[in-house]
PDB file of N, CA and C in Angstrom:
ATOM      1  N   MET A   1      -8.602  70.051  79.571  1.00  0.00           N
ATOM      2  CA  MET A   1      -8.100  70.599  78.336  1.00  0.00           C
ATOM      3  C   MET A   1      -7.655  69.519  77.375  1.00  0.00           C
ATOM      4  N   ALA A   2      -7.948  69.714  76.200  1.00  0.00           N
ATOM      5  CA  ALA A   2      -7.398  68.685  75.244  1.00  0.00           C
ATOM      6  C   ALA A   2      -6.183  69.190  74.740  1.00  0.00           C
ATOM      7  N   LYS A   3      -5.163  68.268  74.498  1.00  0.00           N
ATOM      8  CA  LYS A   3      -3.830  68.521  73.906  1.00  0.00           C
ATOM      9  C   LYS A   3      -3.854  68.342  72.563  1.00  0.00           C
ATOM     10  N   GLU A   4      -3.240  69.425  71.861  1.00  0.00           N
ATOM     11  CA  GLU A   4      -3.192  69.313  70.397  1.00  0.00           C
ATOM     12  C   GLU A   4      -1.843  68.734  69.896  1.00  0.00           C
ATOM     13  N   TYR A   5      -1.992  67.610  69.203  1.00  0.00           N
ATOM     14  CA  TYR A   5      -0.793  66.785  68.791  1.00  0.00           C
ATOM     15  C   TYR A   5      -0.308  67.200  67.391  1.00  0.00           C
ATOM     16  N   ILE A   6      -1.189  67.889  66.636  1.00  0.00           N
ATOM     17  CA  ILE A   6      -0.865  68.024  65.366  1.00  0.00           C
ATOM     18  C   ILE A   6      -0.930  69.586  65.106  1.00  0.00           C
ATOM     19  N   GLU A   7       0.003  70.148  64.205  1.00  0.00           N
ATOM     20  CA  GLU A   7      -0.160  71.616  63.852  1.00  0.00           C
ATOM     21  C   GLU A   7       0.311  71.840  62.357  1.00  0.00           C
ATOM     22  N   GLN A   8      -0.300  72.822  62.008  1.00  0.00           N
ATOM     23  CA  GLN A   8       0.041  72.996  60.504  1.00  0.00           C
ATOM     24  C   GLN A   8       0.974  74.166  60.421  1.00  0.00           C
ATOM     25  N   ARG A   9       1.849  73.959  59.628  1.00  0.00           N
ATOM     26  CA  ARG A   9       2.936  74.993  59.352  1.00  0.00           C
ATOM     27  C   ARG A   9       3.339  75.123  57.894  1.00  0.00           C
ATOM     28  N   ASP A  10       3.357  76.178  57.322  1.00  0.00           N
ATOM     29  CA  ASP A  10       3.640  76.291  55.821  1.00  0.00           C
ATOM     30  C   ASP A  10       3.015  75.372  54.799  1.00  0.00           C
ATOM     31  N   GLY A  11       1.803  75.152  55.195  1.00  0.00           N
ATOM     32  CA  GLY A  11       1.007  74.175  54.393  1.00  0.00           C
ATOM     33  C   GLY A  11       1.116  72.727  54.816  1.00  0.00           C
ATOM     34  N   ALA A  12       1.674  72.313  55.591  1.00  0.00           N
ATOM     35  CA  ALA A  12       2.124  70.902  56.030  1.00  0.00           C
ATOM     36  C   ALA A  12       1.643  70.854  57.248  1.00  0.00           C
ATOM     37  N   CYS A  13       1.661  69.282  57.650  1.00  0.00           N
ATOM     38  CA  CYS A  13       1.032  69.035  59.010  1.00  0.00           C
ATOM     39  C   CYS A  13       2.120  68.365  59.907  1.00  0.00           C
ATOM     40  N   TYR A  14       2.354  68.707  61.067  1.00  0.00           N
ATOM     41  CA  TYR A  14       3.738  68.255  61.847  1.00  0.00           C
ATOM     42  C   TYR A  14       3.111  67.723  63.333  1.00  0.00           C
ATOM     43  N   VAL A  15       3.900  66.977  63.787  1.00  0.00           N
ATOM     44  CA  VAL A  15       3.581  66.702  65.392  1.00  0.00           C
ATOM     45  C   VAL A  15       4.075  67.853  65.876  1.00  0.00           C
ATOM     46  N   ALA A  16       3.217  68.505  66.749  1.00  0.00           N
ATOM     47  CA  ALA A  16       3.264  69.690  67.320  1.00  0.00           C
ATOM     48  C   ALA A  16       4.633  69.957  68.092  1.00  0.00           C
ATOM     49  N   GLY A  17       5.245  71.027  67.829  1.00  0.00           N
ATOM     50  CA  GLY A  17       6.381  71.411  68.296  1.00  0.00           C
ATOM     51  C   GLY A  17       7.798  70.716  67.764  1.00  0.00           C
ATOM     52  N   THR A  18       7.522  69.901  66.944  1.00  0.00           N
ATOM     53  CA  THR A  18       8.694  69.020  66.282  1.00  0.00           C
ATOM     54  C   THR A  18       8.769  69.126  64.736  1.00  0.00           C
ATOM     55  N   ARG A  19       9.952  68.730  64.217  1.00  0.00           N
ATOM     56  CA  ARG A  19       9.861  68.730  62.661  1.00  0.00           C
ATOM     57  C   ARG A  19       9.432  67.604  61.895  1.00  0.00           C
ATOM     58  N   VAL A  20       8.817  66.586  62.782  1.00  0.00           N
ATOM     59  CA  VAL A  20       8.349  65.324  62.217  1.00  0.00           C
ATOM     60  C   VAL A  20       7.005  65.532  61.538  1.00  0.00           C
ATOM     61  N   SER A  21       6.947  65.130  60.270  1.00  0.00           N
ATOM     62  CA  SER A  21       5.611  65.279  59.663  1.00  0.00           C
ATOM     63  C   SER A  21       4.645  64.301  60.122  1.00  0.00           C
ATOM     64  N   LEU A  22       3.409  64.785  59.936  1.00  0.00           N
ATOM     65  CA  LEU A  22       2.279  63.905  60.106  1.00  0.00           C
ATOM     66  C   LEU A  22       2.297  62.718  59.085  1.00  0.00           C
ATOM     67  N   ASP A  23       2.783  63.077  57.659  1.00  0.00           N
ATOM     68  CA  ASP A  23       2.901  62.002  56.829  1.00  0.00           C
ATOM     69  C   ASP A  23       3.957  60.953  57.308  1.00  0.00           C
ATOM     70  N   SER A  24       5.052  61.093  57.885  1.00  0.00           N
ATOM     71  CA  SER A  24       5.874  59.901  58.376  1.00  0.00           C
ATOM     72  C   SER A  24       5.374  59.105  59.216  1.00  0.00           C
ATOM     73  N   ILE A  25       4.552  59.687  60.092  1.00  0.00           N
ATOM     74  CA  ILE A  25       3.825  58.811  61.178  1.00  0.00           C
ATOM     75  C   ILE A  25       2.713  58.026  60.432  1.00  0.00           C
ATOM     76  N   VAL A  26       1.982  58.610  59.560  1.00  0.00           N
ATOM     77  CA  VAL A  26       0.847  57.732  58.934  1.00  0.00           C
ATOM     78  C   VAL A  26       1.333  56.837  58.000  1.00  0.00           C
ATOM     79  N   HIS A  27       2.279  57.229  57.336  1.00  0.00           N
ATOM     80  CA  HIS A  27       2.900  56.059  56.415  1.00  0.00           C
ATOM     81  C   HIS A  27       3.510  55.008  57.137  1.00  0.00           C
ATOM     82  N   ALA A  28       4.146  55.213  58.360  1.00  0.00           N
ATOM     83  CA  ALA A  28       4.672  54.141  59.144  1.00  0.00           C
ATOM     84  C   ALA A  28       3.568  53.466  59.878  1.00  0.00           C
ATOM     85  N   PHE A  29       2.561  53.993  60.284  1.00  0.00           N
ATOM     86  CA  PHE A  29       1.226  53.249  60.760  1.00  0.00           C
ATOM     87  C   PHE A  29       0.585  52.388  59.720  1.00  0.00           C
ATOM     88  N   ARG A  30       0.571  52.899  58.563  1.00  0.00           N
ATOM     89  CA  ARG A  30      -0.120  52.150  57.471  1.00  0.00           C
ATOM     90  C   ARG A  30       0.715  50.980  56.935  1.00  0.00           C
ATOM     91  N   ARG A  31       1.950  51.092  57.225  1.00  0.00           N
ATOM     92  CA  ARG A  31       2.888  50.027  56.983  1.00  0.00           C
ATOM     93  C   ARG A  31       2.820  49.033  57.829  1.00  0.00           C
ATOM     94  N   GLY A  32       2.235  49.301  59.142  1.00  0.00           N
ATOM     95  CA  GLY A  32       2.182  48.160  59.986  1.00  0.00           C
ATOM     96  C   GLY A  32       3.017  48.479  61.260  1.00  0.00           C
ATOM     97  N   ASP A  33       3.768  49.303  61.191  1.00  0.00           N
ATOM     98  CA  ASP A  33       4.651  49.684  62.451  1.00  0.00           C
ATOM     99  C   ASP A  33       3.886  50.042  63.544  1.00  0.00           C
ATOM    100  N   SER A  34       4.263  49.532  64.761  1.00  0.00           N
ATOM    101  CA  SER A  34       3.495  49.650  65.925  1.00  0.00           C
ATOM    102  C   SER A  34       3.888  51.108  66.482  1.00  0.00           C
ATOM    103  N   PRO A  35       3.005  51.743  67.117  1.00  0.00           N
ATOM    104  CA  PRO A  35       3.398  53.117  67.954  1.00  0.00           C
ATOM    105  C   PRO A  35       4.714  52.916  68.514  1.00  0.00           C
ATOM    106  N   GLU A  36       5.113  51.954  69.214  1.00  0.00           N
ATOM    107  CA  GLU A  36       6.427  51.736  69.844  1.00  0.00           C
ATOM    108  C   GLU A  36       7.605  51.892  68.886  1.00  0.00           C
ATOM    109  N   THR A  37       7.308  51.126  67.722  1.00  0.00           N
ATOM    110  CA  THR A  37       8.415  51.141  66.744  1.00  0.00           C
ATOM    111  C   THR A  37       8.629  52.578  66.137  1.00  0.00           C
ATOM    112  N   ILE A  38       7.432  53.125  66.037  1.00  0.00           N
ATOM    113  CA  ILE A  38       7.421  54.501  65.350  1.00  0.00           C
ATOM    114  C   ILE A  38       8.258  55.460  66.309  1.00  0.00           C
ATOM    115  N   CYS A  39       7.960  55.317  67.659  1.00  0.00           N
ATOM    116  CA  CYS A  39       8.567  56.014  68.626  1.00  0.00           C
ATOM    117  C   CYS A  39      10.149  55.835  68.611  1.00  0.00           C
ATOM    118  N   GLN A  40      10.569  54.771  68.289  1.00  0.00           N
ATOM    119  CA  GLN A  40      11.979  54.198  68.408  1.00  0.00           C
ATOM    120  C   GLN A  40      12.669  54.931  67.111  1.00  0.00           C
ATOM    121  N   ASN A  41      11.898  54.915  65.946  1.00  0.00           N
ATOM    122  CA  ASN A  41      12.249  55.376  64.620  1.00  0.00           C
ATOM    123  C   ASN A  41      12.453  56.949  64.773  1.00  0.00           C
ATOM    124  N   PHE A  42      11.665  57.508  65.479  1.00  0.00           N
ATOM    125  CA  PHE A  42      11.736  59.039  65.716  1.00  0.00           C
ATOM    126  C   PHE A  42      12.058  59.491  67.142  1.00  0.00           C
ATOM    127  N   ASP A  43      13.111  59.350  67.373  1.00  0.00           N
ATOM    128  CA  ASP A  43      13.545  59.363  68.969  1.00  0.00           C
ATOM    129  C   ASP A  43      13.326  60.596  69.442  1.00  0.00           C
ATOM    130  N   ILE A  44      12.950  61.597  68.638  1.00  0.00           N
ATOM    131  CA  ILE A  44      12.633  62.940  69.377  1.00  0.00           C
ATOM    132  C   ILE A  44      11.182  62.818  69.946  1.00  0.00           C
ATOM    133  N   LEU A  45      10.336  61.982  69.604  1.00  0.00           N
ATOM    134  CA  LEU A  45       9.003  61.974  69.891  1.00  0.00           C
ATOM    135  C   LEU A  45       8.839  61.038  71.139  1.00  0.00           C
ATOM    136  N   ARG A  46       7.875  61.496  71.948  1.00  0.00           N
ATOM    137  CA  ARG A  46       7.492  60.611  72.974  1.00  0.00           C
ATOM    138  C   ARG A  46       6.534  59.601  72.544  1.00  0.00           C
ATOM    139  N   LEU A  47       5.950  58.658  73.311  1.00  0.00           N
ATOM    140  CA  LEU A  47       4.971  57.701  72.805  1.00  0.00           C
ATOM    141  C   LEU A  47       3.747  58.350  72.838  1.00  0.00           C
ATOM    142  N   GLU A  48       3.393  59.219  73.731  1.00  0.00           N
ATOM    143  CA  GLU A  48       2.212  59.846  73.862  1.00  0.00           C
ATOM    144  C   GLU A  48       2.066  60.688  72.516  1.00  0.00           C
ATOM    145  N   GLU A  49       2.915  61.355  71.985  1.00  0.00           N
ATOM    146  CA  GLU A  49       2.693  62.108  70.807  1.00  0.00           C
ATOM    147  C   GLU A  49       2.596  61.196  69.507  1.00  0.00           C
ATOM    148  N   VAL A  50       3.095  60.002  69.483  1.00  0.00           N
ATOM    149  CA  VAL A  50       2.979  59.106  68.401  1.00  0.00           C
ATOM    150  C   VAL A  50       1.488  58.848  68.535  1.00  0.00           C
ATOM    151  N   TYR A  51       1.029  58.356  69.801  1.00  0.00           N
ATOM    152  CA  TYR A  51      -0.440  57.919  69.795  1.00  0.00           C
ATOM    153  C   TYR A  51      -1.277  59.093  69.615  1.00  0.00           C
ATOM    154  N   GLY A  52      -0.983  60.284  69.796  1.00  0.00           N
ATOM    155  CA  GLY A  52      -1.750  61.498  69.514  1.00  0.00           C
ATOM    156  C   GLY A  52      -1.891  61.822  68.008  1.00  0.00           C
ATOM    157  N   ALA A  53      -0.743  61.406  67.392  1.00  0.00           N
ATOM    158  CA  ALA A  53      -0.795  61.693  65.915  1.00  0.00           C
ATOM    159  C   ALA A  53      -1.650  60.637  65.246  1.00  0.00           C
ATOM    160  N   ILE A  54      -1.444  59.254  65.799  1.00  0.00           N
ATOM    161  CA  ILE A  54      -2.332  58.175  65.325  1.00  0.00           C
ATOM    162  C   ILE A  54      -3.642  58.514  65.460  1.00  0.00           C
ATOM    163  N   ALA A  55      -4.020  58.988  66.560  1.00  0.00           N
ATOM    164  CA  ALA A  55      -5.517  59.418  67.085  1.00  0.00           C
ATOM    165  C   ALA A  55      -6.078  60.500  66.124  1.00  0.00           C
ATOM    166  N   TYR A  56      -5.066  61.407  65.934  1.00  0.00           N
ATOM    167  CA  TYR A  56      -5.656  62.375  64.905  1.00  0.00           C
ATOM    168  C   TYR A  56      -5.831  61.984  63.535  1.00  0.00           C
ATOM    169  N   TYR A  57      -5.061  61.096  63.173  1.00  0.00           N
ATOM    170  CA  TYR A  57      -5.291  60.391  61.921  1.00  0.00           C
ATOM    171  C   TYR A  57      -6.432  59.699  61.782  1.00  0.00           C
ATOM    172  N   LEU A  58      -6.847  58.802  62.771  1.00  0.00           N
ATOM    173  CA  LEU A  58      -7.983  57.791  62.713  1.00  0.00           C
ATOM    174  C   LEU A  58      -9.340  58.839  63.090  1.00  0.00           C
ATOM    175  N   ALA A  59      -9.145  60.032  63.517  1.00  0.00           N
ATOM    176  CA  ALA A  59     -10.228  60.727  63.752  1.00  0.00           C
ATOM    177  C   ALA A  59     -10.699  61.581  62.637  1.00  0.00           C
ATOM    178  N   ASN A  60      -9.661  61.925  61.730  1.00  0.00           N
ATOM    179  CA  ASN A  60      -9.638  62.834  60.606  1.00  0.00           C
ATOM    180  C   ASN A  60      -9.133  61.886  59.364  1.00  0.00           C
ATOM    181  N   GLN A  61      -9.623  60.777  59.233  1.00  0.00           N
ATOM    182  CA  GLN A  61      -9.038  59.929  58.181  1.00  0.00           C
ATOM    183  C   GLN A  61      -9.024  60.465  56.730  1.00  0.00           C
ATOM    184  N   SER A  62     -10.262  60.667  56.394  1.00  0.00           N
ATOM    185  CA  SER A  62     -10.677  61.119  55.145  1.00  0.00           C
ATOM    186  C   SER A  62      -9.989  62.459  54.687  1.00  0.00           C
ATOM    187  N   ALA A  63      -9.904  63.356  55.652  1.00  0.00           N
ATOM    188  CA  ALA A  63      -9.172  64.580  55.340  1.00  0.00           C
ATOM    189  C   ALA A  63      -7.671  64.372  55.010  1.00  0.00           C
ATOM    190  N   VAL A  64      -7.259  63.555  56.191  1.00  0.00           N
ATOM    191  CA  VAL A  64      -5.731  63.485  56.070  1.00  0.00           C
ATOM    192  C   VAL A  64      -5.245  62.382  55.017  1.00  0.00           C
ATOM    193  N   ASP A  65      -6.289  61.522  54.439  1.00  0.00           N
ATOM    194  CA  ASP A  65      -5.941  60.977  53.270  1.00  0.00           C
ATOM    195  C   ASP A  65      -5.803  61.772  52.047  1.00  0.00           C
ATOM    196  N   HIS A  66      -6.870  62.724  52.087  1.00  0.00           N
ATOM    197  CA  HIS A  66      -6.846  63.800  50.987  1.00  0.00           C
ATOM    198  C   HIS A  66      -5.461  64.741  50.998  1.00  0.00           C
ATOM    199  N   TYR A  67      -5.200  65.055  52.151  1.00  0.00           N
ATOM    200  CA  TYR A  67      -3.939  65.745  52.510  1.00  0.00           C
ATOM    201  C   TYR A  67      -2.610  64.976  51.820  1.00  0.00           C
ATOM    202  N   LEU A  68      -2.659  63.740  52.279  1.00  0.00           N
ATOM    203  CA  LEU A  68      -1.504  63.029  51.858  1.00  0.00           C
ATOM    204  C   LEU A  68      -1.584  62.666  50.440  1.00  0.00           C
ATOM    205  N   ALA A  69      -2.585  62.760  49.698  1.00  0.00           N
ATOM    206  CA  ALA A  69      -2.533  62.591  48.133  1.00  0.00           C
ATOM    207  C   ALA A  69      -2.050  63.944  47.637  1.00  0.00           C
ATOM    208  N   LEU A  70      -2.435  65.069  48.261  1.00  0.00           N
ATOM    209  CA  LEU A  70      -2.064  66.302  47.652  1.00  0.00           C
ATOM    210  C   LEU A  70      -0.502  66.427  47.808  1.00  0.00           C
ATOM    211  N   GLN A  71      -0.213  66.130  49.163  1.00  0.00           N
ATOM    212  CA  GLN A  71       1.448  66.002  49.573  1.00  0.00           C
ATOM    213  C   GLN A  71       2.210  65.095  48.395  1.00  0.00           C
ATOM    214  N   GLY A  72       1.495  64.035  48.215  1.00  0.00           N
ATOM    215  CA  GLY A  72       2.203  63.183  46.985  1.00  0.00           C
ATOM    216  C   GLY A  72       2.395  63.820  45.625  1.00  0.00           C
ATOM    217  N   GLU A  73       1.195  64.461  45.145  1.00  0.00           N
ATOM    218  CA  GLU A  73       1.241  65.181  44.056  1.00  0.00           C
ATOM    219  C   GLU A  73       2.323  66.168  44.058  1.00  0.00           C
ATOM    220  N   ARG A  74       2.263  67.109  45.142  1.00  0.00           N
ATOM    221  CA  ARG A  74       3.223  68.045  45.251  1.00  0.00           C
ATOM    222  C   ARG A  74       4.707  67.516  45.300  1.00  0.00           C
ATOM    223  N   TRP A  75       5.014  66.529  45.929  1.00  0.00           N
ATOM    224  CA  TRP A  75       6.242  65.879  45.978  1.00  0.00           C
ATOM    225  C   TRP A  75       6.747  65.460  44.365  1.00  0.00           C
ATOM    226  N   THR A  76       5.801  64.781  43.666  1.00  0.00           N
ATOM    227  CA  THR A  76       5.997  64.236  42.453  1.00  0.00           C
ATOM    228  C   THR A  76       6.329  65.544  41.550  1.00  0.00           C
ATOM    229  N   GLU A  77       5.661  66.686  41.518  1.00  0.00           N
ATOM    230  CA  GLU A  77       5.862  67.640  40.752  1.00  0.00           C
ATOM    231  C   GLU A  77       7.231  68.351  40.946  1.00  0.00           C
ATOM    232  N   GLU A  78       7.494  68.512  42.327  1.00  0.00           N
ATOM    233  CA  GLU A  78       8.696  69.179  42.774  1.00  0.00           C
ATOM    234  C   GLU A  78       9.944  68.218  42.203  1.00  0.00           C
ATOM    235  N   LYS A  79       9.667  66.994  42.209  1.00  0.00           N
ATOM    236  CA  LYS A  79      10.739  65.767  41.873  1.00  0.00           C
ATOM    237  C   LYS A  79      11.080  66.102  40.203  1.00  0.00           C
ATOM    238  N   ARG A  80       9.870  66.399  39.541  1.00  0.00           N
ATOM    239  CA  ARG A  80       9.788  66.517  38.117  1.00  0.00           C
ATOM    240  C   ARG A  80      10.782  67.837  37.724  1.00  0.00           C
ATOM    241  N   ALA A  81      10.292  68.990  38.447  1.00  0.00           N
ATOM    242  CA  ALA A  81      10.832  70.095  38.205  1.00  0.00           C
ATOM    243  C   ALA A  81      12.046  70.383  38.650  1.00  0.00           C
ATOM    244  N   ALA A  82      12.682  69.462  39.587  1.00  0.00           N
ATOM    245  CA  ALA A  82      14.088  69.609  40.056  1.00  0.00           C
ATOM    246  C   ALA A  82      15.160  69.340  38.889  1.00  0.00           C
ATOM    247  N   GLU A  83      16.343  70.092  39.176  1.00  0.00           N
ATOM    248  CA  GLU A  83      17.314  69.991  38.005  1.00  0.00           C
ATOM    249  C   GLU A  83      18.063  68.499  38.309  1.00  0.00           C
ATOM    250  N   PRO A  84      18.223  67.855  37.190  1.00  0.00           N
ATOM    251  CA  PRO A  84      19.088  66.646  37.401  1.00  0.00           C
ATOM    252  C   PRO A  84      20.443  66.866  37.806  1.00  0.00           C
ATOM    253  N   LEU A  85      21.057  65.941  38.450  1.00  0.00           N
ATOM    254  CA  LEU A  85      22.403  65.992  38.895  1.00  0.00           C
ATOM    255  C   LEU A  85      23.331  66.091  37.764  1.00  0.00           C
ATOM    256  N   PRO A  86      24.385  66.771  37.942  1.00  0.00           N
ATOM    257  CA  PRO A  86      25.432  66.828  36.844  1.00  0.00           C
ATOM    258  C   PRO A  86      25.941  65.583  36.500  1.00  0.00           C
ATOM    259  N   SER A  87      26.200  65.287  35.162  1.00  0.00           N
ATOM    260  CA  SER A  87      26.637  63.919  34.859  1.00  0.00           C
ATOM    261  C   SER A  87      27.999  63.545  35.464  1.00  0.00           C
ATOM    262  N   GLU A  88      28.819  64.316  35.844  1.00  0.00           N
ATOM    263  CA  GLU A  88      30.050  64.042  36.640  1.00  0.00           C
ATOM    264  C   GLU A  88      29.802  63.583  37.893  1.00  0.00           C
ATOM    265  N   LEU A  89      28.779  64.243  38.633  1.00  0.00           N
ATOM    266  CA  LEU A  89      28.393  63.967  39.972  1.00  0.00           C
ATOM    267  C   LEU A  89      27.674  62.511  40.102  1.00  0.00           C
ATOM    268  N   ARG A  90      26.914  62.444  38.990  1.00  0.00           N
ATOM    269  CA  ARG A  90      26.239  60.945  38.835  1.00  0.00           C
ATOM    270  C   ARG A  90      27.211  59.854  38.884  1.00  0.00           C
ATOM    271  N   GLN A  91      28.415  60.068  37.866  1.00  0.00           N
ATOM    272  CA  GLN A  91      29.251  59.086  37.615  1.00  0.00           C
ATOM    273  C   GLN A  91      30.068  58.910  39.003  1.00  0.00           C
ATOM    274  N   ARG A  92      30.259  59.956  39.638  1.00  0.00           N
ATOM    275  CA  ARG A  92      31.117  59.585  40.891  1.00  0.00           C
ATOM    276  C   ARG A  92      30.324  58.855  42.088  1.00  0.00           C
ATOM    277  N   LEU A  93      28.954  59.185  41.975  1.00  0.00           N
ATOM    278  CA  LEU A  93      28.092  58.641  42.956  1.00  0.00           C
ATOM    279  C   LEU A  93      27.929  57.110  42.709  1.00  0.00           C
ATOM    280  N   ALA A  94      27.769  56.647  41.347  1.00  0.00           N
ATOM    281  CA  ALA A  94      27.855  55.436  40.703  1.00  0.00           C
ATOM    282  C   ALA A  94      29.191  54.667  41.170  1.00  0.00           C
ATOM    283  N   ARG A  95      30.211  55.265  41.024  1.00  0.00           N
ATOM    284  CA  ARG A  95      31.499  54.656  41.428  1.00  0.00           C
ATOM    285  C   ARG A  95      31.431  54.264  42.925  1.00  0.00           C
ATOM    286  N   ALA A  96      31.159  55.288  43.615  1.00  0.00           N
ATOM    287  CA  ALA A  96      31.131  55.150  45.177  1.00  0.00           C
ATOM    288  C   ALA A  96      30.106  54.022  45.518  1.00  0.00           C
ATOM    289  N   ARG A  97      28.964  54.028  44.836  1.00  0.00           N
ATOM    290  CA  ARG A  97      28.008  52.886  45.271  1.00  0.00           C
ATOM    291  C   ARG A  97      28.616  51.386  44.781  1.00  0.00           C
ATOM    292  N   GLY A  98      29.332  51.513  43.781  1.00  0.00           N
ATOM    293  CA  GLY A  98      29.957  50.290  43.180  1.00  0.00           C
ATOM    294  C   GLY A  98      30.933  49.777  44.276  1.00  0.00           C
ATOM    295  N   GLU A  99      31.800  50.766  44.694  1.00  0.00           N
ATOM    296  CA  GLU A  99      32.828  50.466  45.663  1.00  0.00           C
ATOM    297  C   GLU A  99      32.469  49.844  46.966  1.00  0.00           C
ATOM    298  N   LEU A 100      31.148  50.365  47.458  1.00  0.00           N
ATOM    299  CA  LEU A 100      30.464  49.910  48.445  1.00  0.00           C
ATOM    300  C   LEU A 100      29.896  48.601  48.414  1.00  0.00           C
ATOM    301  N   GLN A 101      29.527  48.381  47.215  1.00  0.00           N
ATOM    302  CA  GLN A 101      29.059  46.953  47.155  1.00  0.00           C
ATOM    303  C   GLN A 101      29.831  45.933  46.660  1.00  0.00           C
ATOM    304  N   SER A 102      31.083  46.275  46.303  1.00  0.00           N
ATOM    305  CA  SER A 102      32.052  45.069  45.960  1.00  0.00           C
ATOM    306  C   SER A 102      32.646  44.597  47.217  1.00  0.00           C
ATOM    307  N   PRO A 103      33.023  43.287  47.199  1.00  0.00           N
ATOM    308  CA  PRO A 103      33.630  42.754  48.350  1.00  0.00           C
ATOM    309  C   PRO A 103      35.051  43.291  48.330  1.00  0.00           C
ATOM    310  N   ARG A 104      35.571  43.608  49.805  1.00  0.00           N
ATOM    311  CA  ARG A 104      36.736  44.102  49.996  1.00  0.00           C
ATOM    312  C   ARG A 104      37.865  42.988  50.238  1.00  0.00           C
ATOM    313  N   PRO A 105      39.017  43.180  49.733  1.00  0.00           N
ATOM    314  CA  PRO A 105      40.111  42.271  49.798  1.00  0.00           C
ATOM    315  C   PRO A 105      40.392  42.080  51.415  1.00  0.00           C
ATOM    316  N   GLN A 106      40.683  40.736  51.859  1.00  0.00           N
ATOM    317  CA  GLN A 106      41.076  40.544  53.232  1.00  0.00           C
ATOM    318  C   GLN A 106      42.321  40.322  53.401  1.00  0.00           C
TER     319      GLN A 106
END
């Protein structure tokens, strides 16, 4: 009996039984990360699950590429529709970022 490594929930694809998206695995794989590295980066996953997700991608590459393109469009639209941060919060974040990047006195 074949094991299912990918499941669809709420219009998105995930590694079965986890909150790790197929998108995350495929993007890491395309970036050149090895299955072992991907497994280390998603410590909730077993190596078998990472290989299963990659095998699913390779077996369904055109459908998954289409799905990823749609997900990218959806993400772009949601980002465009999101309300901008209030200016006070943006200023506080910029100050905090500056403090983190500036050398500390010794």
